[in-house]
């Protein structure tokens, strides 16, 4: 009986010392590259899924990755998408026993109007590192910023007799550029501005890609009021979507 008890203690690892365990976490834009320093990074949280205790927290830093490798090279099983400079967050944990964790990411962290959350769960084992590409969380969508008109801008009606320029800057969630004929081809996208006056929809304006990342169109405004513009982008090939919305005022 004593031998059995000793064996059970050894098998359960009671009294085992903590072991250093490294976990790489990366955030990747859907149909694009990794979310890194150039757009502010992704905020990473690693928590004990049972107790919600925080185990590690930090930001992904580094480049968006090698375009040729990420976007153009056919990938075989076990091939890496990342290289030494690719953005990621490396957590170093001290574990005494296996722990079931929740890994969360919020990205792009500095673009609050477009920031999304992604998460997954997995077991971490003492001394068993998860490196290379590591844990990769995917983010769908676009980062959209309406440039014109400005938020809460007051615009005299007579000043826009020839039309109001509507402009929006649109990039992938990693900050990668969008342009006609480019790797991220605007020709595949539908970009529209839905316009409301005093809460009622009045028109939908198609925005054209006039230069890298810039989409614009001209809105004919016939009366004063409190206006709202919602710019929405959609790629039917990938399902990527994005939205930005602002309000402005046209005065008599």
C-alpha atoms as a PDB file:
ATOM      1  CA  UNK A   1       0.000   0.000   0.000  1.00  0.00           C
ATOM      2  CA  UNK A   2       2.869   2.394   0.839  1.00  0.00           C
ATOM      3  CA  UNK A   3       4.518   1.676  -2.520  1.00  0.00           C
ATOM      4  CA  UNK A   4       1.255   2.357  -4.328  1.00  0.00           C
ATOM      5  CA  UNK A   5       0.797   5.680  -2.480  1.00  0.00           C
ATOM      6  CA  UNK A   6       4.364   6.774  -3.319  1.00  0.00           C
ATOM      7  CA  UNK A   7       3.862   5.895  -6.967  1.00  0.00           C
ATOM      8  CA  UNK A   8       0.607   7.872  -7.090  1.00  0.00           C
ATOM      9  CA  UNK A   9       2.310  10.932  -5.603  1.00  0.00           C
ATOM     10  CA  UNK A  10       5.084  10.757  -8.175  1.00  0.00           C
ATOM     11  CA  UNK A  11       2.633  10.331 -11.056  1.00  0.00           C
ATOM     12  CA  UNK A  12       0.593  13.358  -9.989  1.00  0.00           C
ATOM     13  CA  UNK A  13       3.726  15.477  -9.770  1.00  0.00           C
ATOM     14  CA  UNK A  14       2.899  16.692  -6.246  1.00  0.00           C
ATOM     15  CA  UNK A  15       5.644  19.007  -5.078  1.00  0.00           C
ATOM     16  CA  UNK A  16       6.990  19.468  -8.607  1.00  0.00           C
ATOM     17  CA  UNK A  17       8.855  22.730  -9.193  1.00  0.00           C
ATOM     18  CA  UNK A  18       7.578  25.306 -11.644  1.00  0.00           C
ATOM     19  CA  UNK A  19       8.903  25.189 -15.190  1.00  0.00           C
ATOM     20  CA  UNK A  20       9.375  28.074 -17.579  1.00  0.00           C
ATOM     21  CA  UNK A  21       6.966  27.882 -20.510  1.00  0.00           C
ATOM     22  CA  UNK A  22       7.030  30.208 -23.510  1.00  0.00           C
ATOM     23  CA  UNK A  23       3.995  30.986 -25.657  1.00  0.00           C
ATOM     24  CA  UNK A  24       4.045  33.088 -28.829  1.00  0.00           C
ATOM     25  CA  UNK A  25       0.760  34.813 -29.708  1.00  0.00           C
ATOM     26  CA  UNK A  26       0.152  36.572 -33.013  1.00  0.00           C
ATOM     27  CA  UNK A  27      -2.765  38.481 -34.557  1.00  0.00           C
ATOM     28  CA  UNK A  28      -3.335  38.214 -38.304  1.00  0.00           C
ATOM     29  CA  UNK A  29      -5.671  40.125 -40.600  1.00  0.00           C
ATOM     30  CA  UNK A  30      -7.934  37.968 -42.753  1.00  0.00           C
ATOM     31  CA  UNK A  31      -6.606  37.763 -46.328  1.00  0.00           C
ATOM     32  CA  UNK A  32      -3.667  39.918 -45.267  1.00  0.00           C
ATOM     33  CA  UNK A  33      -0.678  40.065 -42.928  1.00  0.00           C
ATOM     34  CA  UNK A  34       0.138  40.282 -39.232  1.00  0.00           C
ATOM     35  CA  UNK A  35      -0.972  43.112 -36.948  1.00  0.00           C
ATOM     36  CA  UNK A  36       2.130  44.793 -35.575  1.00  0.00           C
ATOM     37  CA  UNK A  37       3.827  48.011 -34.580  1.00  0.00           C
ATOM     38  CA  UNK A  38       2.965  49.989 -37.724  1.00  0.00           C
ATOM     39  CA  UNK A  39      -0.740  50.107 -36.777  1.00  0.00           C
ATOM     40  CA  UNK A  40      -0.310  50.010 -33.005  1.00  0.00           C
ATOM     41  CA  UNK A  41      -0.358  46.252 -32.469  1.00  0.00           C
ATOM     42  CA  UNK A  42      -2.795  43.867 -30.835  1.00  0.00           C
ATOM     43  CA  UNK A  43      -3.446  43.756 -27.083  1.00  0.00           C
ATOM     44  CA  UNK A  44      -2.955  40.190 -25.852  1.00  0.00           C
ATOM     45  CA  UNK A  45      -4.352  38.617 -22.676  1.00  0.00           C
ATOM     46  CA  UNK A  46      -3.608  35.084 -21.439  1.00  0.00           C
ATOM     47  CA  UNK A  47      -5.889  34.024 -18.594  1.00  0.00           C
ATOM     48  CA  UNK A  48      -6.596  30.881 -16.589  1.00  0.00           C
ATOM     49  CA  UNK A  49      -9.902  29.781 -18.134  1.00  0.00           C
ATOM     50  CA  UNK A  50     -11.150  28.359 -14.823  1.00  0.00           C
ATOM     51  CA  UNK A  51     -10.352  31.214 -12.446  1.00  0.00           C
ATOM     52  CA  UNK A  52      -9.990  34.096 -14.941  1.00  0.00           C
ATOM     53  CA  UNK A  53      -6.630  34.875 -13.292  1.00  0.00           C
ATOM     54  CA  UNK A  54      -4.327  36.890 -15.534  1.00  0.00           C
ATOM     55  CA  UNK A  55      -1.199  34.980 -16.498  1.00  0.00           C
ATOM     56  CA  UNK A  56       0.307  37.343 -19.076  1.00  0.00           C
ATOM     57  CA  UNK A  57      -0.541  40.576 -20.872  1.00  0.00           C
ATOM     58  CA  UNK A  58       1.186  42.594 -23.579  1.00  0.00           C
ATOM     59  CA  UNK A  59       1.204  43.991 -27.106  1.00  0.00           C
ATOM     60  CA  UNK A  60       2.261  42.422 -30.367  1.00  0.00           C
ATOM     61  CA  UNK A  61       5.284  44.233 -31.780  1.00  0.00           C
ATOM     62  CA  UNK A  62       7.251  43.812 -34.970  1.00  0.00           C
ATOM     63  CA  UNK A  63       6.567  43.926 -38.697  1.00  0.00           C
ATOM     64  CA  UNK A  64       3.521  42.799 -40.648  1.00  0.00           C
ATOM     65  CA  UNK A  65       5.645  39.962 -42.002  1.00  0.00           C
ATOM     66  CA  UNK A  66       7.186  38.965 -45.312  1.00  0.00           C
ATOM     67  CA  UNK A  67       4.669  39.681 -48.080  1.00  0.00           C
ATOM     68  CA  UNK A  68       6.071  37.007 -50.385  1.00  0.00           C
ATOM     69  CA  UNK A  69       5.913  34.393 -47.639  1.00  0.00           C
ATOM     70  CA  UNK A  70       2.527  35.345 -46.198  1.00  0.00           C
ATOM     71  CA  UNK A  71       0.577  36.183 -49.349  1.00  0.00           C
ATOM     72  CA  UNK A  72       2.220  34.464 -52.328  1.00  0.00           C
ATOM     73  CA  UNK A  73       4.046  31.295 -51.272  1.00  0.00           C
ATOM     74  CA  UNK A  74       2.034  28.031 -51.307  1.00  0.00           C
ATOM     75  CA  UNK A  75       2.039  26.621 -47.797  1.00  0.00           C
ATOM     76  CA  UNK A  76       2.727  23.006 -46.922  1.00  0.00           C
ATOM     77  CA  UNK A  77       2.002  21.373 -43.589  1.00  0.00           C
ATOM     78  CA  UNK A  78       4.276  22.712 -40.799  1.00  0.00           C
ATOM     79  CA  UNK A  79       5.561  25.575 -42.981  1.00  0.00           C
ATOM     80  CA  UNK A  80       5.831  28.850 -41.062  1.00  0.00           C
ATOM     81  CA  UNK A  81       4.095  32.071 -42.076  1.00  0.00           C
ATOM     82  CA  UNK A  82       6.223  34.145 -39.721  1.00  0.00           C
ATOM     83  CA  UNK A  83       9.896  35.037 -39.635  1.00  0.00           C
ATOM     84  CA  UNK A  84      12.169  36.514 -36.962  1.00  0.00           C
ATOM     85  CA  UNK A  85      10.805  40.036 -37.448  1.00  0.00           C
ATOM     86  CA  UNK A  86       7.091  39.201 -37.653  1.00  0.00           C
ATOM     87  CA  UNK A  87       4.875  40.842 -35.037  1.00  0.00           C
ATOM     88  CA  UNK A  88       3.970  38.808 -32.001  1.00  0.00           C
ATOM     89  CA  UNK A  89       3.774  38.765 -28.217  1.00  0.00           C
ATOM     90  CA  UNK A  90       6.037  36.273 -26.440  1.00  0.00           C
ATOM     91  CA  UNK A  91       4.743  35.327 -22.991  1.00  0.00           C
ATOM     92  CA  UNK A  92       6.987  33.524 -20.516  1.00  0.00           C
ATOM     93  CA  UNK A  93       4.971  31.707 -17.853  1.00  0.00           C
ATOM     94  CA  UNK A  94       5.980  29.735 -14.772  1.00  0.00           C
ATOM     95  CA  UNK A  95       3.822  26.605 -14.627  1.00  0.00           C
ATOM     96  CA  UNK A  96       3.754  23.823 -12.046  1.00  0.00           C
ATOM     97  CA  UNK A  97       0.972  21.862 -13.728  1.00  0.00           C
ATOM     98  CA  UNK A  98      -1.123  21.903 -16.920  1.00  0.00           C
ATOM     99  CA  UNK A  99      -3.460  24.881 -17.142  1.00  0.00           C
ATOM    100  CA  UNK A 100      -6.360  25.477 -19.513  1.00  0.00           C
ATOM    101  CA  UNK A 101      -6.122  29.049 -20.758  1.00  0.00           C
ATOM    102  CA  UNK A 102      -8.091  31.620 -22.711  1.00  0.00           C
ATOM    103  CA  UNK A 103      -6.002  33.654 -25.145  1.00  0.00           C
ATOM    104  CA  UNK A 104      -7.643  36.932 -26.167  1.00  0.00           C
ATOM    105  CA  UNK A 105      -6.565  39.632 -28.590  1.00  0.00           C
ATOM    106  CA  UNK A 106      -7.998  43.068 -29.352  1.00  0.00           C
ATOM    107  CA  UNK A 107      -6.841  44.656 -32.588  1.00  0.00           C
ATOM    108  CA  UNK A 108      -5.916  47.028 -34.058  1.00  0.00           C
ATOM    109  CA  UNK A 109      -5.650  48.397 -30.519  1.00  0.00           C
ATOM    110  CA  UNK A 110      -5.238  52.077 -31.416  1.00  0.00           C
ATOM    111  CA  UNK A 111      -8.078  52.123 -33.955  1.00  0.00           C
ATOM    112  CA  UNK A 112     -11.046  51.991 -31.608  1.00  0.00           C
ATOM    113  CA  UNK A 113     -13.677  52.440 -34.341  1.00  0.00           C
ATOM    114  CA  UNK A 114     -12.423  49.265 -36.060  1.00  0.00           C
ATOM    115  CA  UNK A 115     -11.045  47.265 -33.119  1.00  0.00           C
ATOM    116  CA  UNK A 116     -12.332  43.711 -32.820  1.00  0.00           C
ATOM    117  CA  UNK A 117     -11.769  40.850 -30.383  1.00  0.00           C
ATOM    118  CA  UNK A 118     -10.730  37.280 -31.122  1.00  0.00           C
ATOM    119  CA  UNK A 119     -10.024  34.434 -28.705  1.00  0.00           C
ATOM    120  CA  UNK A 120      -9.262  30.761 -28.391  1.00  0.00           C
ATOM    121  CA  UNK A 121      -8.645  28.246 -25.609  1.00  0.00           C
ATOM    122  CA  UNK A 122      -5.971  25.594 -25.158  1.00  0.00           C
ATOM    123  CA  UNK A 123      -3.970  23.620 -22.610  1.00  0.00           C
ATOM    124  CA  UNK A 124      -0.517  24.835 -21.646  1.00  0.00           C
ATOM    125  CA  UNK A 125       1.884  22.215 -20.289  1.00  0.00           C
ATOM    126  CA  UNK A 126       4.839  22.979 -17.982  1.00  0.00           C
ATOM    127  CA  UNK A 127       8.052  23.297 -19.953  1.00  0.00           C
ATOM    128  CA  UNK A 128       6.367  22.703 -23.323  1.00  0.00           C
ATOM    129  CA  UNK A 129       6.887  25.847 -25.412  1.00  0.00           C
ATOM    130  CA  UNK A 130       4.532  26.961 -28.198  1.00  0.00           C
ATOM    131  CA  UNK A 131       6.745  28.925 -30.559  1.00  0.00           C
ATOM    132  CA  UNK A 132       7.123  29.445 -34.323  1.00  0.00           C
ATOM    133  CA  UNK A 133       3.862  30.878 -35.601  1.00  0.00           C
ATOM    134  CA  UNK A 134       2.496  30.070 -32.141  1.00  0.00           C
ATOM    135  CA  UNK A 135      -1.145  30.814 -31.366  1.00  0.00           C
ATOM    136  CA  UNK A 136      -2.530  32.817 -34.307  1.00  0.00           C
ATOM    137  CA  UNK A 137      -5.807  34.736 -33.925  1.00  0.00           C
ATOM    138  CA  UNK A 138      -7.482  35.992 -37.112  1.00  0.00           C
ATOM    139  CA  UNK A 139      -9.218  39.353 -37.519  1.00  0.00           C
ATOM    140  CA  UNK A 140     -11.714  40.007 -40.290  1.00  0.00           C
ATOM    141  CA  UNK A 141     -12.520  43.451 -41.627  1.00  0.00           C
ATOM    142  CA  UNK A 142     -11.135  46.836 -42.619  1.00  0.00           C
ATOM    143  CA  UNK A 143      -9.971  49.946 -40.795  1.00  0.00           C
ATOM    144  CA  UNK A 144     -12.085  52.829 -42.125  1.00  0.00           C
ATOM    145  CA  UNK A 145     -11.634  56.514 -41.305  1.00  0.00           C
ATOM    146  CA  UNK A 146     -13.990  59.116 -42.803  1.00  0.00           C
ATOM    147  CA  UNK A 147     -11.809  62.106 -43.682  1.00  0.00           C
ATOM    148  CA  UNK A 148     -14.461  64.431 -45.087  1.00  0.00           C
ATOM    149  CA  UNK A 149     -16.803  65.791 -43.939  1.00  0.00           C
ATOM    150  CA  UNK A 150     -15.476  66.047 -40.385  1.00  0.00           C
ATOM    151  CA  UNK A 151     -17.273  64.951 -37.241  1.00  0.00           C
ATOM    152  CA  UNK A 152     -19.783  67.594 -36.098  1.00  0.00           C
ATOM    153  CA  UNK A 153     -18.652  69.960 -38.848  1.00  0.00           C
ATOM    154  CA  UNK A 154     -21.016  72.882 -39.575  1.00  0.00           C
ATOM    155  CA  UNK A 155     -21.229  73.440 -43.340  1.00  0.00           C
ATOM    156  CA  UNK A 156     -23.128  76.329 -44.978  1.00  0.00           C
ATOM    157  CA  UNK A 157     -25.454  75.012 -47.684  1.00  0.00           C
ATOM    158  CA  UNK A 158     -24.300  77.637 -50.193  1.00  0.00           C
ATOM    159  CA  UNK A 159     -20.663  76.477 -49.822  1.00  0.00           C
ATOM    160  CA  UNK A 160     -21.501  73.044 -51.207  1.00  0.00           C
ATOM    161  CA  UNK A 161     -23.643  74.102 -54.159  1.00  0.00           C
ATOM    162  CA  UNK A 162     -21.363  72.056 -56.434  1.00  0.00           C
ATOM    163  CA  UNK A 163     -21.509  69.047 -54.118  1.00  0.00           C
ATOM    164  CA  UNK A 164     -19.949  67.864 -50.860  1.00  0.00           C
ATOM    165  CA  UNK A 165     -16.792  65.759 -51.133  1.00  0.00           C
ATOM    166  CA  UNK A 166     -17.045  62.517 -49.181  1.00  0.00           C
ATOM    167  CA  UNK A 167     -13.656  60.929 -48.534  1.00  0.00           C
ATOM    168  CA  UNK A 168     -12.629  57.851 -46.575  1.00  0.00           C
ATOM    169  CA  UNK A 169      -9.301  56.158 -45.914  1.00  0.00           C
ATOM    170  CA  UNK A 170      -9.546  52.345 -45.933  1.00  0.00           C
ATOM    171  CA  UNK A 171      -6.817  49.815 -45.125  1.00  0.00           C
ATOM    172  CA  UNK A 172      -6.655  46.154 -44.149  1.00  0.00           C
ATOM    173  CA  UNK A 173      -6.726  45.353 -40.412  1.00  0.00           C
ATOM    174  CA  UNK A 174      -2.931  45.070 -40.496  1.00  0.00           C
ATOM    175  CA  UNK A 175      -2.622  48.458 -42.206  1.00  0.00           C
ATOM    176  CA  UNK A 176      -1.776  46.901 -45.581  1.00  0.00           C
ATOM    177  CA  UNK A 177      -2.614  49.186 -48.528  1.00  0.00           C
ATOM    178  CA  UNK A 178      -5.638  48.930 -50.794  1.00  0.00           C
ATOM    179  CA  UNK A 179      -5.446  50.132 -54.394  1.00  0.00           C
ATOM    180  CA  UNK A 180      -6.786  49.285 -57.826  1.00  0.00           C
ATOM    181  CA  UNK A 181      -4.785  46.419 -59.333  1.00  0.00           C
ATOM    182  CA  UNK A 182      -2.753  45.973 -56.138  1.00  0.00           C
ATOM    183  CA  UNK A 183      -2.257  42.896 -54.010  1.00  0.00           C
ATOM    184  CA  UNK A 184      -5.319  44.047 -52.055  1.00  0.00           C
ATOM    185  CA  UNK A 185      -7.333  45.070 -55.082  1.00  0.00           C
ATOM    186  CA  UNK A 186     -10.005  47.738 -54.620  1.00  0.00           C
ATOM    187  CA  UNK A 187     -11.607  46.522 -57.825  1.00  0.00           C
ATOM    188  CA  UNK A 188     -13.013  43.598 -55.851  1.00  0.00           C
ATOM    189  CA  UNK A 189     -14.571  45.838 -53.217  1.00  0.00           C
ATOM    190  CA  UNK A 190     -17.903  47.579 -52.812  1.00  0.00           C
ATOM    191  CA  UNK A 191     -17.581  50.866 -50.934  1.00  0.00           C
ATOM    192  CA  UNK A 192     -20.681  52.959 -50.308  1.00  0.00           C
ATOM    193  CA  UNK A 193     -21.735  55.945 -48.213  1.00  0.00           C
ATOM    194  CA  UNK A 194     -25.253  55.722 -46.794  1.00  0.00           C
ATOM    195  CA  UNK A 195     -26.549  59.231 -46.058  1.00  0.00           C
ATOM    196  CA  UNK A 196     -29.322  60.259 -43.657  1.00  0.00           C
ATOM    197  CA  UNK A 197     -30.853  63.670 -43.026  1.00  0.00           C
ATOM    198  CA  UNK A 198     -32.600  64.152 -39.687  1.00  0.00           C
ATOM    199  CA  UNK A 199     -32.598  60.388 -39.194  1.00  0.00           C
ATOM    200  CA  UNK A 200     -34.160  59.496 -42.568  1.00  0.00           C
ATOM    201  CA  UNK A 201     -32.174  57.743 -45.338  1.00  0.00           C
ATOM    202  CA  UNK A 202     -31.946  59.985 -48.393  1.00  0.00           C
ATOM    203  CA  UNK A 203     -29.322  58.434 -50.691  1.00  0.00           C
ATOM    204  CA  UNK A 204     -26.531  55.897 -51.114  1.00  0.00           C
ATOM    205  CA  UNK A 205     -23.338  57.108 -52.761  1.00  0.00           C
ATOM    206  CA  UNK A 206     -20.737  54.832 -54.360  1.00  0.00           C
ATOM    207  CA  UNK A 207     -17.183  55.791 -53.399  1.00  0.00           C
ATOM    208  CA  UNK A 208     -14.419  55.222 -55.958  1.00  0.00           C
ATOM    209  CA  UNK A 209     -10.804  54.372 -55.194  1.00  0.00           C
ATOM    210  CA  UNK A 210      -8.968  57.445 -56.516  1.00  0.00           C
ATOM    211  CA  UNK A 211      -5.537  56.729 -55.004  1.00  0.00           C
ATOM    212  CA  UNK A 212      -3.939  54.299 -52.569  1.00  0.00           C
ATOM    213  CA  UNK A 213      -6.324  53.772 -49.612  1.00  0.00           C
ATOM    214  CA  UNK A 214      -8.459  56.794 -50.588  1.00  0.00           C
ATOM    215  CA  UNK A 215     -12.102  56.385 -51.616  1.00  0.00           C
ATOM    216  CA  UNK A 216     -14.277  59.337 -52.523  1.00  0.00           C
ATOM    217  CA  UNK A 217     -17.448  60.605 -54.152  1.00  0.00           C
ATOM    218  CA  UNK A 218     -19.507  63.779 -54.385  1.00  0.00           C
ATOM    219  CA  UNK A 219     -22.786  64.220 -52.542  1.00  0.00           C
ATOM    220  CA  UNK A 220     -25.421  66.630 -53.828  1.00  0.00           C
ATOM    221  CA  UNK A 221     -26.980  68.337 -50.805  1.00  0.00           C
ATOM    222  CA  UNK A 222     -30.276  70.156 -51.328  1.00  0.00           C
ATOM    223  CA  UNK A 223     -31.316  71.217 -47.857  1.00  0.00           C
ATOM    224  CA  UNK A 224     -30.091  72.022 -44.359  1.00  0.00           C
ATOM    225  CA  UNK A 225     -30.288  69.478 -41.557  1.00  0.00           C
ATOM    226  CA  UNK A 226     -28.492  67.123 -39.237  1.00  0.00           C
ATOM    227  CA  UNK A 227     -26.693  64.609 -41.434  1.00  0.00           C
ATOM    228  CA  UNK A 228     -25.209  61.197 -40.802  1.00  0.00           C
ATOM    229  CA  UNK A 229     -22.866  59.336 -43.152  1.00  0.00           C
ATOM    230  CA  UNK A 230     -22.090  55.645 -42.803  1.00  0.00           C
ATOM    231  CA  UNK A 231     -19.242  54.414 -45.004  1.00  0.00           C
ATOM    232  CA  UNK A 232     -19.312  50.672 -45.475  1.00  0.00           C
ATOM    233  CA  UNK A 233     -16.893  48.412 -47.346  1.00  0.00           C
ATOM    234  CA  UNK A 234     -17.377  44.806 -48.475  1.00  0.00           C
ATOM    235  CA  UNK A 235     -15.319  42.274 -50.410  1.00  0.00           C
ATOM    236  CA  UNK A 236     -17.472  39.380 -51.669  1.00  0.00           C
ATOM    237  CA  UNK A 237     -14.367  37.234 -52.242  1.00  0.00           C
ATOM    238  CA  UNK A 238     -13.269  37.206 -48.602  1.00  0.00           C
ATOM    239  CA  UNK A 239     -16.289  38.401 -46.641  1.00  0.00           C
ATOM    240  CA  UNK A 240     -14.230  41.241 -45.169  1.00  0.00           C
ATOM    241  CA  UNK A 241     -16.395  44.168 -44.050  1.00  0.00           C
ATOM    242  CA  UNK A 242     -15.872  47.507 -42.347  1.00  0.00           C
ATOM    243  CA  UNK A 243     -17.855  50.542 -41.209  1.00  0.00           C
ATOM    244  CA  UNK A 244     -17.235  54.093 -40.028  1.00  0.00           C
ATOM    245  CA  UNK A 245     -19.943  56.656 -39.207  1.00  0.00           C
ATOM    246  CA  UNK A 246     -19.914  60.402 -38.551  1.00  0.00           C
ATOM    247  CA  UNK A 247     -22.438  63.211 -38.070  1.00  0.00           C
ATOM    248  CA  UNK A 248     -22.299  66.748 -39.418  1.00  0.00           C
ATOM    249  CA  UNK A 249     -24.638  69.713 -39.828  1.00  0.00           C
ATOM    250  CA  UNK A 250     -25.623  71.638 -42.950  1.00  0.00           C
ATOM    251  CA  UNK A 251     -26.852  75.142 -42.201  1.00  0.00           C
ATOM    252  CA  UNK A 252     -28.919  77.586 -44.288  1.00  0.00           C
END
